[in-house]
N, C-alpha and C. Protein backbone atom coordinates (compact mmCIF):
# COMPACT_ATOMS: atom_id res chain seq x y z
N MET A 1 34.31 121.45 49.89
CA MET A 1 34.53 120.24 50.67
C MET A 1 33.77 119.10 50.02
N SER A 2 34.44 117.98 49.80
CA SER A 2 33.80 116.84 49.15
C SER A 2 33.08 115.96 50.17
N ILE A 3 32.24 115.06 49.66
CA ILE A 3 31.47 114.16 50.52
C ILE A 3 32.39 113.24 51.31
N VAL A 4 33.55 112.91 50.75
CA VAL A 4 34.49 112.03 51.43
C VAL A 4 35.05 112.71 52.68
N GLU A 5 35.20 114.02 52.66
CA GLU A 5 35.72 114.74 53.82
C GLU A 5 34.68 114.91 54.91
N ILE A 6 33.39 114.81 54.57
CA ILE A 6 32.32 114.99 55.54
C ILE A 6 32.03 113.68 56.29
N PHE A 7 32.14 112.55 55.62
CA PHE A 7 31.82 111.26 56.21
C PHE A 7 33.06 110.39 56.35
N LYS A 8 33.04 109.56 57.41
CA LYS A 8 34.12 108.63 57.67
C LYS A 8 33.53 107.22 57.66
N GLN A 9 34.21 106.28 57.00
CA GLN A 9 33.73 104.91 56.90
C GLN A 9 34.21 104.11 58.11
N VAL A 10 33.28 103.47 58.81
CA VAL A 10 33.60 102.66 59.99
C VAL A 10 32.74 101.41 59.98
N GLU A 11 33.13 100.42 60.78
CA GLU A 11 32.29 99.24 60.95
C GLU A 11 31.11 99.60 61.85
N LEU A 12 29.99 98.96 61.61
CA LEU A 12 28.78 99.25 62.38
C LEU A 12 28.99 99.01 63.87
N ARG A 13 29.82 98.03 64.24
CA ARG A 13 30.06 97.75 65.66
C ARG A 13 30.70 98.93 66.40
N LYS A 14 31.33 99.86 65.67
CA LYS A 14 31.98 101.04 66.27
C LYS A 14 31.00 102.20 66.47
N VAL A 15 29.82 102.12 65.87
CA VAL A 15 28.81 103.17 66.00
C VAL A 15 28.05 102.94 67.31
N LYS A 16 27.89 103.98 68.10
CA LYS A 16 27.20 103.85 69.38
C LYS A 16 25.70 103.73 69.19
N GLN A 17 25.05 103.06 70.13
CA GLN A 17 23.60 102.91 70.07
C GLN A 17 22.94 104.28 70.09
N GLY A 18 22.01 104.50 69.16
CA GLY A 18 21.30 105.77 69.06
C GLY A 18 21.93 106.76 68.10
N ASP A 19 23.14 106.48 67.59
CA ASP A 19 23.81 107.39 66.66
C ASP A 19 23.29 107.18 65.24
N LEU A 20 23.38 108.24 64.44
CA LEU A 20 22.95 108.20 63.04
C LEU A 20 24.10 107.82 62.13
N PHE A 21 23.78 107.13 61.03
CA PHE A 21 24.77 106.78 60.02
C PHE A 21 24.07 106.62 58.69
N LYS A 22 24.86 106.61 57.62
CA LYS A 22 24.36 106.33 56.27
C LYS A 22 24.97 105.02 55.81
N ARG A 23 24.25 104.32 54.95
CA ARG A 23 24.78 103.06 54.41
C ARG A 23 25.70 103.29 53.22
N LYS A 24 25.52 104.38 52.52
CA LYS A 24 26.37 104.80 51.39
C LYS A 24 26.66 106.28 51.57
N PRO A 25 27.83 106.79 51.11
CA PRO A 25 28.15 108.20 51.35
C PRO A 25 27.20 109.18 50.67
N TYR A 26 26.60 108.80 49.54
CA TYR A 26 25.70 109.71 48.82
C TYR A 26 24.22 109.42 49.08
N ALA A 27 23.93 108.53 50.03
CA ALA A 27 22.54 108.17 50.32
C ALA A 27 21.77 109.34 50.92
N LYS A 28 20.47 109.37 50.69
CA LYS A 28 19.63 110.42 51.26
C LYS A 28 19.19 110.06 52.68
N SER A 29 18.98 108.77 52.93
CA SER A 29 18.43 108.32 54.21
C SER A 29 19.51 108.11 55.27
N TYR A 30 19.14 108.47 56.49
CA TYR A 30 19.96 108.17 57.66
C TYR A 30 19.32 107.00 58.39
N PHE A 31 20.14 106.23 59.10
CA PHE A 31 19.68 105.14 59.93
C PHE A 31 20.13 105.37 61.36
N VAL A 32 19.39 104.82 62.31
CA VAL A 32 19.74 104.87 63.72
C VAL A 32 20.14 103.47 64.14
N ARG A 33 21.31 103.34 64.79
CA ARG A 33 21.71 102.02 65.28
C ARG A 33 20.98 101.73 66.57
N ASN A 34 20.27 100.61 66.60
CA ASN A 34 19.51 100.20 67.77
C ASN A 34 20.25 99.09 68.52
N HIS A 35 19.53 98.16 69.06
CA HIS A 35 20.11 97.12 69.91
C HIS A 35 20.82 96.02 69.12
N TYR A 36 21.64 95.26 69.85
CA TYR A 36 22.39 94.14 69.30
C TYR A 36 21.61 92.86 69.51
N ASN A 37 21.55 92.03 68.48
CA ASN A 37 20.90 90.72 68.56
C ASN A 37 21.98 89.65 68.51
N PRO A 38 22.26 88.95 69.61
CA PRO A 38 23.29 87.92 69.58
C PRO A 38 22.87 86.73 68.70
N LYS A 39 23.85 85.94 68.31
CA LYS A 39 23.59 84.76 67.49
C LYS A 39 22.70 83.79 68.26
N ASP A 40 21.68 83.25 67.57
CA ASP A 40 20.81 82.25 68.16
C ASP A 40 20.27 81.36 67.05
N PHE A 41 19.28 80.54 67.36
CA PHE A 41 18.76 79.62 66.34
C PHE A 41 17.95 80.32 65.26
N PHE A 42 17.64 81.63 65.44
CA PHE A 42 16.96 82.39 64.40
C PHE A 42 17.92 82.89 63.32
N GLY A 43 19.21 83.03 63.67
CA GLY A 43 20.16 83.51 62.68
C GLY A 43 21.43 84.05 63.29
N ALA A 44 22.23 84.68 62.45
CA ALA A 44 23.53 85.21 62.85
C ALA A 44 23.36 86.47 63.71
N ALA A 45 24.43 86.86 64.40
CA ALA A 45 24.43 88.08 65.20
C ALA A 45 24.27 89.29 64.29
N ASN A 46 23.49 90.30 64.75
CA ASN A 46 23.28 91.49 63.95
C ASN A 46 22.82 92.65 64.82
N PHE A 47 22.80 93.83 64.22
CA PHE A 47 22.26 95.01 64.87
C PHE A 47 20.93 95.36 64.19
N THR A 48 19.97 95.80 64.99
CA THR A 48 18.73 96.32 64.45
C THR A 48 18.94 97.80 64.17
N CYS A 49 18.64 98.25 62.96
CA CYS A 49 18.82 99.65 62.57
C CYS A 49 17.52 100.15 61.96
N THR A 50 17.13 101.38 62.33
CA THR A 50 15.87 101.95 61.87
C THR A 50 16.12 103.11 60.93
N ASN A 51 15.40 103.11 59.80
CA ASN A 51 15.47 104.22 58.85
C ASN A 51 14.86 105.45 59.52
N TRP A 52 15.61 106.55 59.56
CA TRP A 52 15.18 107.77 60.24
C TRP A 52 13.93 108.37 59.58
N ASP A 53 13.81 108.24 58.26
CA ASP A 53 12.72 108.88 57.52
C ASP A 53 11.39 108.14 57.63
N ASN A 54 11.41 106.81 57.47
CA ASN A 54 10.14 106.09 57.39
C ASN A 54 9.93 105.03 58.45
N GLY A 55 10.92 104.79 59.31
CA GLY A 55 10.76 103.83 60.41
C GLY A 55 10.97 102.38 60.05
N ASN A 56 11.31 102.07 58.80
CA ASN A 56 11.58 100.68 58.42
C ASN A 56 12.84 100.19 59.12
N GLU A 57 12.83 98.91 59.51
CA GLU A 57 13.99 98.33 60.17
C GLU A 57 14.77 97.43 59.23
N VAL A 58 16.09 97.42 59.41
CA VAL A 58 16.97 96.50 58.70
C VAL A 58 17.86 95.85 59.75
N PHE A 59 18.36 94.67 59.43
CA PHE A 59 19.24 93.94 60.32
C PHE A 59 20.58 93.79 59.62
N LEU A 60 21.63 94.39 60.21
CA LEU A 60 22.94 94.43 59.57
C LEU A 60 23.98 93.73 60.44
N LYS A 61 24.93 93.06 59.77
CA LYS A 61 26.02 92.41 60.48
C LYS A 61 26.90 93.46 61.15
N PRO A 62 27.53 93.12 62.29
CA PRO A 62 28.42 94.07 62.96
C PRO A 62 29.60 94.52 62.10
N SER A 63 29.99 93.72 61.13
CA SER A 63 31.13 94.05 60.28
C SER A 63 30.76 94.92 59.08
N THR A 64 29.48 95.27 58.93
CA THR A 64 29.03 96.11 57.82
C THR A 64 29.69 97.47 57.88
N LEU A 65 30.20 97.94 56.75
CA LEU A 65 30.82 99.26 56.68
C LEU A 65 29.74 100.30 56.43
N VAL A 66 29.72 101.33 57.29
CA VAL A 66 28.76 102.42 57.19
C VAL A 66 29.50 103.74 57.25
N PHE A 67 28.78 104.83 57.05
CA PHE A 67 29.38 106.16 57.00
C PHE A 67 28.79 107.04 58.09
N VAL A 68 29.66 107.66 58.90
CA VAL A 68 29.24 108.58 59.96
C VAL A 68 29.84 109.94 59.67
N GLU A 69 29.15 111.00 60.13
CA GLU A 69 29.67 112.35 59.94
C GLU A 69 30.86 112.57 60.84
N VAL A 70 31.85 113.29 60.29
CA VAL A 70 33.07 113.58 61.05
C VAL A 70 32.86 114.77 61.94
């Protein structure tokens, strides 16, 4: 079974809060989708996502393509 058959590419907005995803199909790290940050004077709308391994946070646009296990 190839890596393409294990993961499905979806937009981040389709991933439920608390679910795990990868940013690339061959990546080692998983991320957890956290809360949604609406657009305000600080910047554009985004989701807060936490690296499962080290706890670092990244802010990704809702339209970002990510990979979830099938």
